[in-house]
Amino acid sequence: MKKWTTLAALMALPAGAAMATVPYGSMPPGFDRPPVRSVPIAGVYNKYWYNYRTDILEAEKELKSDLGRATDRQDRWDAWDEWATEVVDADKDYTKVMRKKGYPVGRVSIEG
């Protein structure tokens, strides 16, 4: 599916309805889940944000498909690993372009 077609579909749905349901409960023990952005950088809703969301939705769809075909623990681990790689790549691409556009892209983390 082309990104702009997916974008049009995303914009036609309420915010929560466009989210694929990721089966986080089936994540392997000890798996380090990468963060998925729920809001755009600097609150800017632009084509780069929608491209990022489309990439995330595609990764989630592929994860669900891969998990459905998994026959053993290694298959499930590989599916999650591929999903994590795609999520990290999507975030890198998104932050790179937003940085070039001059938006602050840092994340705040609080350590106890």
N, C-alpha and C. Protein backbone atom coordinates (compact mmCIF):
# COMPACT_ATOMS: atom_id res chain seq x y z
N MET A 1 0.85 -1.17 0.00
CA MET A 1 0.00 0.00 0.00
C MET A 1 0.89 1.24 0.00
N LYS A 2 0.57 2.19 -0.77
CA LYS A 2 1.35 3.41 -0.83
C LYS A 2 1.18 4.21 0.45
N LYS A 3 2.23 4.94 0.80
CA LYS A 3 2.20 5.68 2.07
C LYS A 3 1.09 6.71 2.09
N TRP A 4 0.83 7.39 0.98
CA TRP A 4 -0.20 8.43 0.99
C TRP A 4 -1.59 7.83 1.09
N THR A 5 -1.78 6.62 0.56
CA THR A 5 -3.06 5.94 0.72
C THR A 5 -3.27 5.58 2.17
N THR A 6 -2.22 5.07 2.80
CA THR A 6 -2.31 4.74 4.22
C THR A 6 -2.53 6.00 5.04
N LEU A 7 -1.85 7.07 4.68
CA LEU A 7 -2.02 8.34 5.38
C LEU A 7 -3.46 8.81 5.32
N ALA A 8 -4.06 8.71 4.14
CA ALA A 8 -5.46 9.12 3.99
C ALA A 8 -6.36 8.27 4.88
N ALA A 9 -6.06 6.98 4.95
CA ALA A 9 -6.85 6.09 5.80
C ALA A 9 -6.66 6.43 7.27
N LEU A 10 -5.43 6.75 7.66
CA LEU A 10 -5.16 7.13 9.05
C LEU A 10 -5.90 8.40 9.44
N MET A 11 -5.91 9.36 8.55
CA MET A 11 -6.53 10.64 8.87
C MET A 11 -8.05 10.52 8.94
N ALA A 12 -8.61 9.51 8.27
CA ALA A 12 -10.05 9.34 8.28
C ALA A 12 -10.54 8.66 9.56
N LEU A 13 -9.64 8.06 10.32
CA LEU A 13 -10.01 7.34 11.53
C LEU A 13 -9.76 8.17 12.78
N PRO A 14 -10.50 7.89 13.86
CA PRO A 14 -10.17 8.54 15.13
C PRO A 14 -8.77 8.11 15.56
N ALA A 15 -8.14 8.91 16.39
CA ALA A 15 -6.74 8.68 16.76
C ALA A 15 -6.47 7.27 17.26
N GLY A 16 -7.25 6.74 18.13
CA GLY A 16 -7.00 5.41 18.67
C GLY A 16 -7.33 4.28 17.72
N ALA A 17 -8.24 4.51 16.79
CA ALA A 17 -8.68 3.44 15.89
C ALA A 17 -7.61 3.06 14.88
N ALA A 18 -6.69 3.96 14.60
CA ALA A 18 -5.67 3.68 13.59
C ALA A 18 -4.54 2.82 14.13
N MET A 19 -4.52 2.59 15.41
CA MET A 19 -3.44 1.83 16.02
C MET A 19 -3.69 0.33 15.86
N ALA A 20 -2.68 -0.36 15.36
CA ALA A 20 -2.76 -1.81 15.31
C ALA A 20 -2.58 -2.33 16.73
N THR A 21 -3.19 -3.44 17.02
CA THR A 21 -3.05 -3.98 18.36
C THR A 21 -1.86 -4.92 18.40
N VAL A 22 -0.82 -4.49 19.06
CA VAL A 22 0.39 -5.29 19.19
C VAL A 22 0.22 -6.19 20.40
N PRO A 23 0.44 -7.50 20.23
CA PRO A 23 0.27 -8.42 21.35
C PRO A 23 1.46 -8.39 22.30
N TYR A 24 1.59 -7.30 23.07
CA TYR A 24 2.74 -7.14 23.96
C TYR A 24 2.83 -8.27 24.98
N GLY A 25 1.71 -8.89 25.30
CA GLY A 25 1.72 -9.99 26.25
C GLY A 25 2.47 -11.21 25.75
N SER A 26 2.64 -11.31 24.44
CA SER A 26 3.36 -12.46 23.89
C SER A 26 4.84 -12.14 23.65
N MET A 27 5.28 -10.98 24.12
CA MET A 27 6.69 -10.60 23.98
C MET A 27 7.55 -11.56 24.81
N PRO A 28 8.66 -12.02 24.23
CA PRO A 28 9.51 -12.96 24.98
C PRO A 28 10.06 -12.32 26.26
N PRO A 29 10.22 -13.12 27.30
CA PRO A 29 10.79 -12.59 28.54
C PRO A 29 12.19 -12.03 28.28
N GLY A 30 12.47 -10.88 28.85
CA GLY A 30 13.78 -10.27 28.69
C GLY A 30 13.95 -9.48 27.41
N PHE A 31 12.92 -9.41 26.58
CA PHE A 31 13.02 -8.66 25.33
C PHE A 31 12.96 -7.17 25.64
N ASP A 32 13.86 -6.41 25.06
CA ASP A 32 13.93 -4.96 25.30
C ASP A 32 13.10 -4.24 24.24
N ARG A 33 11.92 -3.81 24.63
CA ARG A 33 10.99 -3.17 23.70
C ARG A 33 11.41 -1.71 23.44
N PRO A 34 11.59 -1.35 22.17
CA PRO A 34 11.93 0.05 21.87
C PRO A 34 10.69 0.94 22.04
N PRO A 35 10.90 2.18 22.41
CA PRO A 35 9.76 3.08 22.56
C PRO A 35 9.16 3.45 21.20
N VAL A 36 7.85 3.59 21.18
CA VAL A 36 7.13 4.04 19.98
C VAL A 36 6.52 5.39 20.34
N ARG A 37 6.80 6.38 19.54
CA ARG A 37 6.29 7.73 19.81
C ARG A 37 4.76 7.76 19.70
N SER A 38 4.13 8.40 20.67
CA SER A 38 2.68 8.56 20.62
C SER A 38 2.29 9.99 20.23
N VAL A 39 3.24 10.89 20.28
CA VAL A 39 3.00 12.27 19.86
C VAL A 39 4.17 12.69 18.96
N PRO A 40 3.89 13.59 18.04
CA PRO A 40 4.97 14.02 17.14
C PRO A 40 5.99 14.92 17.83
N ILE A 41 7.16 14.98 17.24
CA ILE A 41 8.23 15.84 17.75
C ILE A 41 7.76 17.29 17.70
N ALA A 42 7.95 17.99 18.78
CA ALA A 42 7.58 19.41 18.92
C ALA A 42 6.09 19.65 18.65
N GLY A 43 5.29 18.59 18.72
CA GLY A 43 3.85 18.74 18.50
C GLY A 43 3.48 19.06 17.06
N VAL A 44 4.40 18.81 16.12
CA VAL A 44 4.18 19.17 14.73
C VAL A 44 3.66 17.96 13.95
N TYR A 45 2.42 18.07 13.49
CA TYR A 45 1.82 17.02 12.67
C TYR A 45 2.09 17.37 11.20
N ASN A 46 3.09 16.70 10.64
CA ASN A 46 3.43 16.94 9.25
C ASN A 46 3.57 15.60 8.53
N LYS A 47 3.96 15.64 7.26
CA LYS A 47 4.05 14.40 6.50
C LYS A 47 5.08 13.44 7.07
N TYR A 48 6.10 13.97 7.74
CA TYR A 48 7.12 13.11 8.33
C TYR A 48 6.55 12.33 9.51
N TRP A 49 5.68 12.96 10.28
CA TRP A 49 5.01 12.28 11.39
C TRP A 49 4.11 11.16 10.85
N TYR A 50 3.34 11.48 9.82
CA TYR A 50 2.43 10.48 9.25
C TYR A 50 3.20 9.35 8.57
N ASN A 51 4.33 9.65 7.97
CA ASN A 51 5.18 8.59 7.41
C ASN A 51 5.71 7.69 8.53
N TYR A 52 6.10 8.30 9.63
CA TYR A 52 6.57 7.52 10.80
C TYR A 52 5.45 6.61 11.30
N ARG A 53 4.27 7.15 11.48
CA ARG A 53 3.14 6.35 11.97
C ARG A 53 2.83 5.22 11.00
N THR A 54 2.91 5.50 9.70
CA THR A 54 2.66 4.46 8.70
C THR A 54 3.70 3.36 8.82
N ASP A 55 4.96 3.73 9.00
CA ASP A 55 6.02 2.73 9.17
C ASP A 55 5.77 1.87 10.40
N ILE A 56 5.33 2.49 11.49
CA ILE A 56 5.04 1.75 12.71
C ILE A 56 3.87 0.79 12.50
N LEU A 57 2.82 1.27 11.85
CA LEU A 57 1.66 0.42 11.59
C LEU A 57 2.03 -0.77 10.71
N GLU A 58 2.87 -0.54 9.72
CA GLU A 58 3.31 -1.62 8.84
C GLU A 58 4.14 -2.64 9.62
N ALA A 59 4.99 -2.16 10.51
CA ALA A 59 5.81 -3.06 11.34
C ALA A 59 4.91 -3.89 12.26
N GLU A 60 3.88 -3.27 12.83
CA GLU A 60 2.96 -3.97 13.71
C GLU A 60 2.16 -5.03 12.94
N LYS A 61 1.74 -4.67 11.75
CA LYS A 61 0.99 -5.62 10.91
C LYS A 61 1.87 -6.82 10.57
N GLU A 62 3.11 -6.56 10.20
CA GLU A 62 4.03 -7.64 9.88
C GLU A 62 4.33 -8.50 11.11
N LEU A 63 4.46 -7.87 12.27
CA LEU A 63 4.70 -8.61 13.51
C LEU A 63 3.56 -9.59 13.77
N LYS A 64 2.34 -9.10 13.68
CA LYS A 64 1.19 -9.97 13.92
C LYS A 64 1.16 -11.13 12.93
N SER A 65 1.48 -10.86 11.69
CA SER A 65 1.52 -11.91 10.68
C SER A 65 2.62 -12.93 10.99
N ASP A 66 3.80 -12.42 11.32
CA ASP A 66 4.93 -13.31 11.63
C ASP A 66 4.65 -14.16 12.87
N LEU A 67 4.03 -13.56 13.88
CA LEU A 67 3.70 -14.32 15.09
C LEU A 67 2.66 -15.39 14.80
N GLY A 68 1.75 -15.08 13.88
CA GLY A 68 0.74 -16.06 13.51
C GLY A 68 1.32 -17.27 12.79
N ARG A 69 2.44 -17.07 12.09
CA ARG A 69 3.09 -18.16 11.37
C ARG A 69 4.19 -18.84 12.18
N ALA A 70 4.51 -18.28 13.34
CA ALA A 70 5.61 -18.82 14.15
C ALA A 70 5.28 -20.22 14.64
N THR A 71 6.28 -21.10 14.57
CA THR A 71 6.07 -22.48 15.00
C THR A 71 6.85 -22.83 16.26
N ASP A 72 7.81 -21.98 16.63
CA ASP A 72 8.57 -22.26 17.84
C ASP A 72 9.04 -20.96 18.48
N ARG A 73 9.74 -21.10 19.59
CA ARG A 73 10.19 -19.93 20.35
C ARG A 73 11.13 -19.05 19.54
N GLN A 74 12.01 -19.67 18.76
CA GLN A 74 12.96 -18.90 17.95
C GLN A 74 12.24 -18.07 16.89
N ASP A 75 11.19 -18.62 16.27
CA ASP A 75 10.40 -17.86 15.29
C ASP A 75 9.76 -16.64 15.94
N ARG A 76 9.22 -16.83 17.15
CA ARG A 76 8.58 -15.71 17.84
C ARG A 76 9.62 -14.65 18.21
N TRP A 77 10.78 -15.08 18.68
CA TRP A 77 11.84 -14.13 19.02
C TRP A 77 12.28 -13.35 17.78
N ASP A 78 12.45 -14.06 16.67
CA ASP A 78 12.85 -13.41 15.42
C ASP A 78 11.82 -12.38 14.96
N ALA A 79 10.54 -12.70 15.12
CA ALA A 79 9.48 -11.77 14.74
C ALA A 79 9.57 -10.49 15.57
N TRP A 80 9.74 -10.66 16.89
CA TRP A 80 9.86 -9.48 17.76
C TRP A 80 11.12 -8.69 17.46
N ASP A 81 12.21 -9.39 17.18
CA ASP A 81 13.47 -8.73 16.86
C ASP A 81 13.35 -7.90 15.58
N GLU A 82 12.70 -8.47 14.57
CA GLU A 82 12.49 -7.74 13.32
C GLU A 82 11.61 -6.51 13.54
N TRP A 83 10.56 -6.67 14.35
CA TRP A 83 9.68 -5.54 14.67
C TRP A 83 10.47 -4.43 15.36
N ALA A 84 11.29 -4.80 16.34
CA ALA A 84 12.08 -3.80 17.08
C ALA A 84 13.04 -3.06 16.15
N THR A 85 13.66 -3.79 15.23
CA THR A 85 14.58 -3.17 14.28
C THR A 85 13.84 -2.17 13.40
N GLU A 86 12.65 -2.54 12.94
CA GLU A 86 11.86 -1.63 12.09
C GLU A 86 11.40 -0.39 12.86
N VAL A 87 11.03 -0.57 14.13
CA VAL A 87 10.61 0.56 14.95
C VAL A 87 11.78 1.53 15.17
N VAL A 88 12.94 0.99 15.49
CA VAL A 88 14.13 1.83 15.70
C VAL A 88 14.51 2.56 14.41
N ASP A 89 14.46 1.86 13.28
CA ASP A 89 14.79 2.49 12.00
C ASP A 89 13.80 3.62 11.66
N ALA A 90 12.53 3.37 11.90
CA ALA A 90 11.52 4.40 11.63
C ALA A 90 11.77 5.63 12.49
N ASP A 91 12.12 5.42 13.76
CA ASP A 91 12.39 6.54 14.65
C ASP A 91 13.64 7.31 14.22
N LYS A 92 14.67 6.58 13.81
CA LYS A 92 15.89 7.25 13.35
C LYS A 92 15.61 8.11 12.13
N ASP A 93 14.86 7.57 11.17
CA ASP A 93 14.53 8.32 9.96
C ASP A 93 13.72 9.57 10.31
N TYR A 94 12.73 9.40 11.19
CA TYR A 94 11.87 10.51 11.57
C TYR A 94 12.66 11.60 12.31
N THR A 95 13.46 11.21 13.30
CA THR A 95 14.22 12.21 14.05
C THR A 95 15.26 12.91 13.17
N LYS A 96 15.84 12.17 12.23
CA LYS A 96 16.83 12.77 11.34
C LYS A 96 16.22 13.89 10.49
N VAL A 97 15.07 13.63 9.91
CA VAL A 97 14.45 14.65 9.06
C VAL A 97 13.93 15.82 9.90
N MET A 98 13.42 15.54 11.09
CA MET A 98 12.93 16.63 11.93
C MET A 98 14.09 17.48 12.44
N ARG A 99 15.22 16.85 12.72
CA ARG A 99 16.41 17.60 13.13
C ARG A 99 16.85 18.53 11.99
N LYS A 100 16.83 18.01 10.76
CA LYS A 100 17.20 18.83 9.60
C LYS A 100 16.25 20.02 9.42
N LYS A 101 14.99 19.82 9.79
CA LYS A 101 14.00 20.90 9.67
C LYS A 101 14.11 21.90 10.82
N GLY A 102 14.98 21.61 11.79
CA GLY A 102 15.22 22.56 12.87
C GLY A 102 14.41 22.33 14.14
N TYR A 103 13.74 21.20 14.26
CA TYR A 103 12.95 20.92 15.46
C TYR A 103 13.80 20.21 16.50
N PRO A 104 13.60 20.54 17.78
CA PRO A 104 14.34 19.82 18.83
C PRO A 104 13.79 18.39 18.95
N VAL A 105 14.67 17.41 18.93
CA VAL A 105 14.20 16.02 18.90
C VAL A 105 14.61 15.22 20.13
N GLY A 106 15.17 15.85 21.12
CA GLY A 106 15.61 15.11 22.31
C GLY A 106 14.47 14.51 23.07
N ARG A 107 14.80 13.47 23.83
CA ARG A 107 13.84 12.82 24.72
C ARG A 107 14.26 13.07 26.15
N VAL A 108 13.30 13.17 27.02
CA VAL A 108 13.59 13.35 28.44
C VAL A 108 13.40 12.02 29.12
N SER A 109 14.40 11.62 29.89
CA SER A 109 14.25 10.40 30.68
C SER A 109 14.63 10.71 32.12
N ILE A 110 13.87 10.14 33.04
CA ILE A 110 14.10 10.39 34.45
C ILE A 110 14.59 9.09 35.06
N GLU A 111 15.74 9.15 35.68
CA GLU A 111 16.29 7.99 36.33
C GLU A 111 16.17 8.15 37.83
N GLY A 112 15.78 7.09 38.47
CA GLY A 112 15.52 7.14 39.91
C GLY A 112 16.73 6.93 40.67
